[in-house]
């Protein structure tokens, strides 16, 4: 029997937060759960998941107790992303590195296969999923 979408989402969120699951594994669980996208907001300390045909699921997000940098440093952000794609940077460290790079949050577009990262002044950086 298929597992409920919210159960899979919670499993992915917990595994990622604990550094047990890398980004590719999280995306795989989101696909199985039928999630089109999810939004991470470091400032509100929330992540909202949007499964097809179901109400959004809003979960608390543990973020490092550091200020988000004022400047949006795309090179530093790309370095954090590259480390995550190589499974060298797990989510607890990624949150810290991306916040230090001036990222206030991001949207993961599962069906669109990319992530849009946001800076304080509306800057964006779009990163395609690796093949």
N, C-alpha and C. Protein backbone atom coordinates (compact mmCIF):
# COMPACT_ATOMS: atom_id res chain seq x y z
N UNK A 1 0.84 -1.17 0.00
CA UNK A 1 0.00 0.00 0.00
C UNK A 1 0.89 1.25 0.00
N UNK A 2 0.50 2.25 -0.79
CA UNK A 2 1.27 3.49 -0.89
C UNK A 2 1.22 4.26 0.43
N UNK A 3 2.34 4.86 0.77
CA UNK A 3 2.40 5.66 1.99
C UNK A 3 1.77 7.02 1.74
N UNK A 4 1.09 7.58 2.73
CA UNK A 4 0.47 8.89 2.56
C UNK A 4 1.50 9.98 2.27
N UNK A 5 1.10 10.96 1.45
CA UNK A 5 2.00 12.03 1.04
C UNK A 5 2.60 12.76 2.23
N UNK A 6 1.77 13.11 3.22
CA UNK A 6 2.28 13.87 4.35
C UNK A 6 3.32 13.08 5.15
N UNK A 7 3.17 11.78 5.21
CA UNK A 7 4.15 10.94 5.90
C UNK A 7 5.50 11.00 5.18
N UNK A 8 5.46 10.90 3.85
CA UNK A 8 6.70 10.97 3.06
C UNK A 8 7.36 12.34 3.18
N UNK A 9 6.54 13.40 3.18
CA UNK A 9 7.09 14.75 3.32
C UNK A 9 7.77 14.91 4.67
N UNK A 10 7.10 14.46 5.71
CA UNK A 10 7.70 14.57 7.06
C UNK A 10 8.98 13.76 7.17
N UNK A 11 9.00 12.58 6.54
CA UNK A 11 10.21 11.75 6.54
C UNK A 11 11.36 12.48 5.84
N UNK A 12 11.07 13.09 4.70
CA UNK A 12 12.10 13.82 3.96
C UNK A 12 12.59 15.01 4.77
N UNK A 13 11.67 15.76 5.38
CA UNK A 13 12.06 16.94 6.16
C UNK A 13 12.93 16.54 7.34
N UNK A 14 12.55 15.50 8.05
CA UNK A 14 13.33 15.06 9.22
C UNK A 14 14.69 14.53 8.80
N UNK A 15 14.73 13.69 7.78
CA UNK A 15 16.00 13.12 7.31
C UNK A 15 16.95 14.18 6.82
N UNK A 16 16.43 15.18 6.15
CA UNK A 16 17.25 16.28 5.66
C UNK A 16 17.78 17.11 6.83
N UNK A 17 16.90 17.46 7.76
CA UNK A 17 17.29 18.28 8.92
C UNK A 17 18.35 17.59 9.77
N UNK A 18 18.28 16.27 9.83
CA UNK A 18 19.24 15.50 10.63
C UNK A 18 20.52 15.19 9.86
N UNK A 19 20.58 15.56 8.58
CA UNK A 19 21.76 15.28 7.77
C UNK A 19 21.86 13.84 7.32
N UNK A 20 20.73 13.11 7.35
CA UNK A 20 20.72 11.70 6.92
C UNK A 20 20.40 11.54 5.44
N UNK A 21 19.65 12.48 4.87
CA UNK A 21 19.25 12.40 3.47
C UNK A 21 19.86 13.56 2.70
N UNK A 22 20.41 13.27 1.53
CA UNK A 22 20.92 14.34 0.69
C UNK A 22 19.80 14.85 -0.22
N UNK A 23 20.06 15.93 -0.91
CA UNK A 23 19.03 16.61 -1.70
C UNK A 23 18.36 15.68 -2.71
N UNK A 24 19.13 14.85 -3.40
CA UNK A 24 18.55 13.94 -4.38
C UNK A 24 17.55 12.97 -3.76
N UNK A 25 17.85 12.50 -2.56
CA UNK A 25 16.93 11.60 -1.86
C UNK A 25 15.66 12.34 -1.45
N UNK A 26 15.79 13.59 -1.02
CA UNK A 26 14.62 14.40 -0.65
C UNK A 26 13.74 14.60 -1.88
N UNK A 27 14.35 14.95 -3.00
CA UNK A 27 13.57 15.15 -4.24
C UNK A 27 12.85 13.85 -4.61
N UNK A 28 13.53 12.72 -4.48
CA UNK A 28 12.90 11.43 -4.78
C UNK A 28 11.66 11.19 -3.93
N UNK A 29 11.74 11.49 -2.64
CA UNK A 29 10.58 11.35 -1.76
C UNK A 29 9.47 12.33 -2.14
N UNK A 30 9.85 13.53 -2.54
CA UNK A 30 8.84 14.52 -2.96
C UNK A 30 8.11 14.05 -4.22
N UNK A 31 8.83 13.44 -5.14
CA UNK A 31 8.20 12.92 -6.36
C UNK A 31 7.18 11.84 -6.00
N UNK A 32 7.57 10.90 -5.15
CA UNK A 32 6.66 9.82 -4.73
C UNK A 32 5.45 10.40 -3.99
N UNK A 33 5.66 11.46 -3.21
CA UNK A 33 4.57 12.08 -2.45
C UNK A 33 3.67 12.94 -3.32
N UNK A 34 4.07 13.18 -4.56
CA UNK A 34 3.26 14.01 -5.45
C UNK A 34 3.38 15.50 -5.18
N UNK A 35 4.53 15.92 -4.67
CA UNK A 35 4.75 17.34 -4.37
C UNK A 35 5.22 18.04 -5.64
N UNK A 36 4.52 19.13 -5.99
CA UNK A 36 4.92 19.94 -7.14
C UNK A 36 6.08 20.87 -6.79
N UNK A 37 6.01 21.46 -5.58
CA UNK A 37 7.05 22.40 -5.17
C UNK A 37 7.01 22.55 -3.65
N UNK A 38 8.08 23.14 -3.12
CA UNK A 38 8.07 23.54 -1.72
C UNK A 38 8.89 24.80 -1.55
N UNK A 39 8.51 25.59 -0.54
CA UNK A 39 9.12 26.89 -0.30
C UNK A 39 9.77 26.89 1.08
N UNK A 40 11.04 27.24 1.11
CA UNK A 40 11.79 27.35 2.36
C UNK A 40 11.99 28.83 2.64
N UNK A 41 11.60 29.26 3.84
CA UNK A 41 11.76 30.66 4.24
C UNK A 41 12.58 30.70 5.52
N UNK A 42 13.85 31.07 5.40
CA UNK A 42 14.72 31.12 6.58
C UNK A 42 14.24 32.15 7.59
N UNK A 43 13.67 33.25 7.11
CA UNK A 43 13.28 34.33 8.02
C UNK A 43 12.09 33.95 8.89
N UNK A 44 11.13 33.23 8.32
CA UNK A 44 9.98 32.80 9.13
C UNK A 44 10.21 31.44 9.78
N UNK A 45 11.32 30.81 9.39
CA UNK A 45 11.67 29.48 9.91
C UNK A 45 10.57 28.46 9.61
N UNK A 46 10.12 28.48 8.34
CA UNK A 46 9.04 27.60 7.89
C UNK A 46 9.38 27.02 6.53
N UNK A 47 8.85 25.83 6.26
CA UNK A 47 8.87 25.23 4.93
C UNK A 47 7.45 24.83 4.61
N UNK A 48 6.98 25.21 3.42
CA UNK A 48 5.62 24.87 3.00
C UNK A 48 5.71 23.98 1.77
N UNK A 49 5.06 22.83 1.84
CA UNK A 49 5.05 21.84 0.77
C UNK A 49 3.70 21.88 0.07
N UNK A 50 3.72 21.73 -1.26
CA UNK A 50 2.51 21.80 -2.06
C UNK A 50 2.29 20.48 -2.82
N UNK A 51 1.64 19.51 -2.16
CA UNK A 51 1.34 18.26 -2.86
C UNK A 51 0.13 18.43 -3.78
N UNK A 52 0.17 17.77 -4.92
CA UNK A 52 -0.96 17.80 -5.85
C UNK A 52 -2.21 17.22 -5.19
N UNK A 53 -3.31 17.92 -5.32
CA UNK A 53 -4.59 17.39 -4.86
C UNK A 53 -4.76 17.34 -3.35
N UNK A 54 -3.90 18.03 -2.62
CA UNK A 54 -4.00 18.03 -1.15
C UNK A 54 -3.66 19.44 -0.66
N UNK A 55 -4.06 19.71 0.56
CA UNK A 55 -3.75 21.01 1.17
C UNK A 55 -2.25 21.14 1.40
N UNK A 56 -1.72 22.36 1.34
CA UNK A 56 -0.31 22.56 1.64
C UNK A 56 0.01 22.11 3.07
N UNK A 57 1.24 21.68 3.25
CA UNK A 57 1.72 21.27 4.57
C UNK A 57 2.81 22.24 4.98
N UNK A 58 2.63 22.92 6.10
CA UNK A 58 3.57 23.91 6.60
C UNK A 58 4.27 23.33 7.83
N UNK A 59 5.61 23.26 7.77
CA UNK A 59 6.39 22.70 8.87
C UNK A 59 7.41 23.71 9.38
N UNK A 60 7.68 23.63 10.67
CA UNK A 60 8.73 24.46 11.26
C UNK A 60 10.08 24.04 10.70
N UNK A 61 10.97 25.02 10.56
CA UNK A 61 12.31 24.78 10.03
C UNK A 61 13.33 25.27 11.04
N UNK A 62 14.24 24.39 11.43
CA UNK A 62 15.33 24.75 12.32
C UNK A 62 16.41 25.41 11.47
N UNK A 63 16.76 26.64 11.80
CA UNK A 63 17.81 27.34 11.06
C UNK A 63 18.90 27.78 12.04
N UNK A 64 20.12 27.91 11.55
CA UNK A 64 21.21 28.35 12.43
C UNK A 64 20.90 29.73 13.02
N UNK A 65 21.36 29.96 14.20
CA UNK A 65 21.15 31.24 14.87
C UNK A 65 22.25 32.21 14.46
N UNK A 66 22.21 32.57 13.17
CA UNK A 66 23.18 33.53 12.61
C UNK A 66 22.39 34.53 11.76
N UNK A 67 22.92 35.72 11.61
CA UNK A 67 22.23 36.67 10.73
C UNK A 67 22.43 36.28 9.26
N UNK A 68 21.41 36.53 8.46
CA UNK A 68 21.54 36.33 7.02
C UNK A 68 22.31 37.52 6.47
N UNK A 69 23.33 37.24 5.68
CA UNK A 69 24.16 38.31 5.13
C UNK A 69 23.33 39.29 4.31
N UNK A 70 23.76 40.53 4.33
CA UNK A 70 23.06 41.58 3.57
C UNK A 70 23.23 41.40 2.07
N UNK A 71 24.43 41.03 1.64
CA UNK A 71 24.73 40.90 0.21
C UNK A 71 24.41 39.49 -0.28
N UNK A 72 23.88 39.41 -1.47
CA UNK A 72 23.56 38.13 -2.11
C UNK A 72 24.79 37.70 -2.92
N UNK A 73 25.56 36.78 -2.37
CA UNK A 73 26.82 36.32 -2.97
C UNK A 73 26.56 35.05 -3.76
N UNK A 74 26.31 35.22 -5.05
CA UNK A 74 25.95 34.08 -5.90
C UNK A 74 27.08 33.06 -5.99
N UNK A 75 28.32 33.52 -6.01
CA UNK A 75 29.44 32.57 -6.08
C UNK A 75 29.49 31.68 -4.84
N UNK A 76 29.31 32.27 -3.66
CA UNK A 76 29.30 31.49 -2.42
C UNK A 76 28.09 30.54 -2.40
N UNK A 77 26.96 31.02 -2.88
CA UNK A 77 25.77 30.17 -2.95
C UNK A 77 26.00 28.99 -3.90
N UNK A 78 26.58 29.26 -5.06
CA UNK A 78 26.87 28.18 -6.02
C UNK A 78 27.82 27.15 -5.42
N UNK A 79 28.80 27.60 -4.65
CA UNK A 79 29.73 26.67 -4.01
C UNK A 79 28.99 25.77 -3.02
N UNK A 80 28.05 26.33 -2.25
CA UNK A 80 27.26 25.52 -1.31
C UNK A 80 26.39 24.52 -2.07
N UNK A 81 25.79 24.97 -3.17
CA UNK A 81 24.95 24.10 -3.99
C UNK A 81 25.78 22.96 -4.57
N UNK A 82 26.95 23.29 -5.11
CA UNK A 82 27.83 22.26 -5.69
C UNK A 82 28.22 21.23 -4.65
N UNK A 83 28.52 21.67 -3.43
CA UNK A 83 28.84 20.73 -2.36
C UNK A 83 27.67 19.83 -2.03
N UNK A 84 26.47 20.38 -2.04
CA UNK A 84 25.27 19.58 -1.78
C UNK A 84 25.04 18.58 -2.92
N UNK A 85 25.27 19.00 -4.14
CA UNK A 85 25.07 18.11 -5.29
C UNK A 85 26.06 16.95 -5.28
N UNK A 86 27.24 17.17 -4.70
CA UNK A 86 28.25 16.10 -4.59
C UNK A 86 28.09 15.29 -3.30
N UNK A 87 27.03 15.60 -2.53
CA UNK A 87 26.75 14.93 -1.25
C UNK A 87 27.86 15.19 -0.22
N UNK A 88 28.59 16.28 -0.38
CA UNK A 88 29.63 16.66 0.58
C UNK A 88 29.10 17.64 1.62
N UNK A 89 28.02 18.36 1.26
CA UNK A 89 27.39 19.33 2.15
C UNK A 89 25.96 18.84 2.40
N UNK A 90 25.68 18.50 3.65
CA UNK A 90 24.33 18.07 4.00
C UNK A 90 23.53 19.29 4.46
N UNK A 91 22.23 19.12 4.61
CA UNK A 91 21.34 20.26 4.81
C UNK A 91 21.67 21.14 6.01
N UNK A 92 22.04 20.61 7.16
CA UNK A 92 22.37 21.53 8.26
C UNK A 92 23.48 22.52 7.88
N UNK A 93 24.50 22.03 7.20
CA UNK A 93 25.59 22.91 6.77
C UNK A 93 25.15 23.79 5.60
N UNK A 94 24.32 23.25 4.70
CA UNK A 94 23.85 24.03 3.56
C UNK A 94 23.07 25.27 4.02
N UNK A 95 22.22 25.10 5.03
CA UNK A 95 21.46 26.24 5.53
C UNK A 95 22.40 27.34 5.99
N UNK A 96 23.41 26.97 6.76
CA UNK A 96 24.38 27.95 7.26
C UNK A 96 25.11 28.64 6.10
N UNK A 97 25.63 27.85 5.17
CA UNK A 97 26.39 28.42 4.04
C UNK A 97 25.52 29.32 3.16
N UNK A 98 24.29 28.90 2.91
CA UNK A 98 23.43 29.71 2.04
C UNK A 98 22.99 31.00 2.74
N UNK A 99 22.77 30.93 4.05
CA UNK A 99 22.44 32.15 4.80
C UNK A 99 23.62 33.12 4.80
N UNK A 100 24.83 32.60 4.98
CA UNK A 100 26.03 33.44 4.92
C UNK A 100 26.22 34.05 3.54
N UNK A 101 25.66 33.38 2.51
CA UNK A 101 25.72 33.89 1.14
C UNK A 101 24.60 34.89 0.85
N UNK A 102 23.78 35.19 1.85
CA UNK A 102 22.73 36.18 1.68
C UNK A 102 21.41 35.64 1.16
N UNK A 103 21.23 34.34 1.23
CA UNK A 103 19.99 33.71 0.78
C UNK A 103 18.96 33.77 1.92
N UNK A 104 17.78 34.31 1.62
CA UNK A 104 16.72 34.38 2.63
C UNK A 104 15.74 33.22 2.51
N UNK A 105 15.83 32.49 1.41
CA UNK A 105 14.96 31.35 1.19
C UNK A 105 15.01 30.92 -0.26
N UNK A 106 14.23 29.91 -0.56
CA UNK A 106 14.24 29.38 -1.93
C UNK A 106 12.98 28.56 -2.18
N UNK A 107 12.70 28.35 -3.46
CA UNK A 107 11.59 27.50 -3.89
C UNK A 107 12.17 26.36 -4.71
N UNK A 108 11.82 25.14 -4.33
CA UNK A 108 12.22 23.96 -5.09
C UNK A 108 11.05 23.57 -5.98
N UNK A 109 11.26 23.62 -7.26
CA UNK A 109 10.24 23.28 -8.25
C UNK A 109 10.49 21.85 -8.71
N UNK A 110 9.85 20.90 -8.04
CA UNK A 110 10.06 19.48 -8.35
C UNK A 110 9.70 19.20 -9.80
N UNK A 111 8.51 19.63 -10.21
CA UNK A 111 8.06 19.33 -11.58
C UNK A 111 8.85 20.14 -12.61
N UNK A 112 9.38 21.29 -12.22
CA UNK A 112 10.18 22.11 -13.13
C UNK A 112 11.67 21.79 -13.10
N UNK A 113 12.07 20.96 -12.13
CA UNK A 113 13.45 20.50 -12.00
C UNK A 113 14.47 21.63 -11.82
N UNK A 114 14.12 22.60 -10.98
CA UNK A 114 15.07 23.65 -10.64
C UNK A 114 14.73 24.26 -9.29
N UNK A 115 15.67 25.03 -8.77
CA UNK A 115 15.50 25.74 -7.50
C UNK A 115 15.74 27.22 -7.76
N UNK A 116 14.88 28.06 -7.22
CA UNK A 116 15.05 29.51 -7.30
C UNK A 116 15.41 30.01 -5.91
N UNK A 117 16.59 30.61 -5.78
CA UNK A 117 17.09 31.14 -4.51
C UNK A 117 16.85 32.65 -4.50
N UNK A 118 16.55 33.20 -3.30
CA UNK A 118 16.20 34.62 -3.17
C UNK A 118 17.14 35.35 -2.22
N UNK A 119 17.49 36.59 -2.59
CA UNK A 119 18.24 37.47 -1.72
C UNK A 119 17.33 38.51 -1.09
N UNK A 120 17.86 39.29 -0.17
CA UNK A 120 17.09 40.30 0.57
C UNK A 120 16.45 41.37 -0.32
N UNK A 121 17.05 41.66 -1.43
CA UNK A 121 16.57 42.76 -2.28
C UNK A 121 15.84 42.24 -3.51
N UNK A 122 15.38 41.00 -3.46
CA UNK A 122 14.68 40.43 -4.60
C UNK A 122 15.58 39.79 -5.63
N UNK A 123 16.87 39.70 -5.34
CA UNK A 123 17.78 39.02 -6.26
C UNK A 123 17.37 37.55 -6.34
N UNK A 124 17.65 36.94 -7.47
CA UNK A 124 17.37 35.51 -7.62
C UNK A 124 18.55 34.82 -8.30
N UNK A 125 18.65 33.56 -8.00
CA UNK A 125 19.58 32.68 -8.71
C UNK A 125 18.82 31.39 -8.96
N UNK A 126 18.80 30.93 -10.21
CA UNK A 126 18.10 29.70 -10.59
C UNK A 126 19.14 28.63 -10.87
N UNK A 127 18.95 27.50 -10.21
CA UNK A 127 19.87 26.36 -10.37
C UNK A 127 19.05 25.16 -10.86
N UNK A 128 19.41 24.66 -12.04
CA UNK A 128 18.75 23.48 -12.59
C UNK A 128 19.18 22.23 -11.82
N UNK A 129 18.28 21.26 -11.70
CA UNK A 129 18.67 19.98 -11.10
C UNK A 129 19.74 19.33 -11.97
N UNK A 130 20.74 18.71 -11.35
CA UNK A 130 21.73 18.00 -12.15
C UNK A 130 21.09 16.75 -12.78
N UNK A 131 21.59 16.36 -13.93
CA UNK A 131 21.06 15.15 -14.59
C UNK A 131 21.66 13.90 -14.01
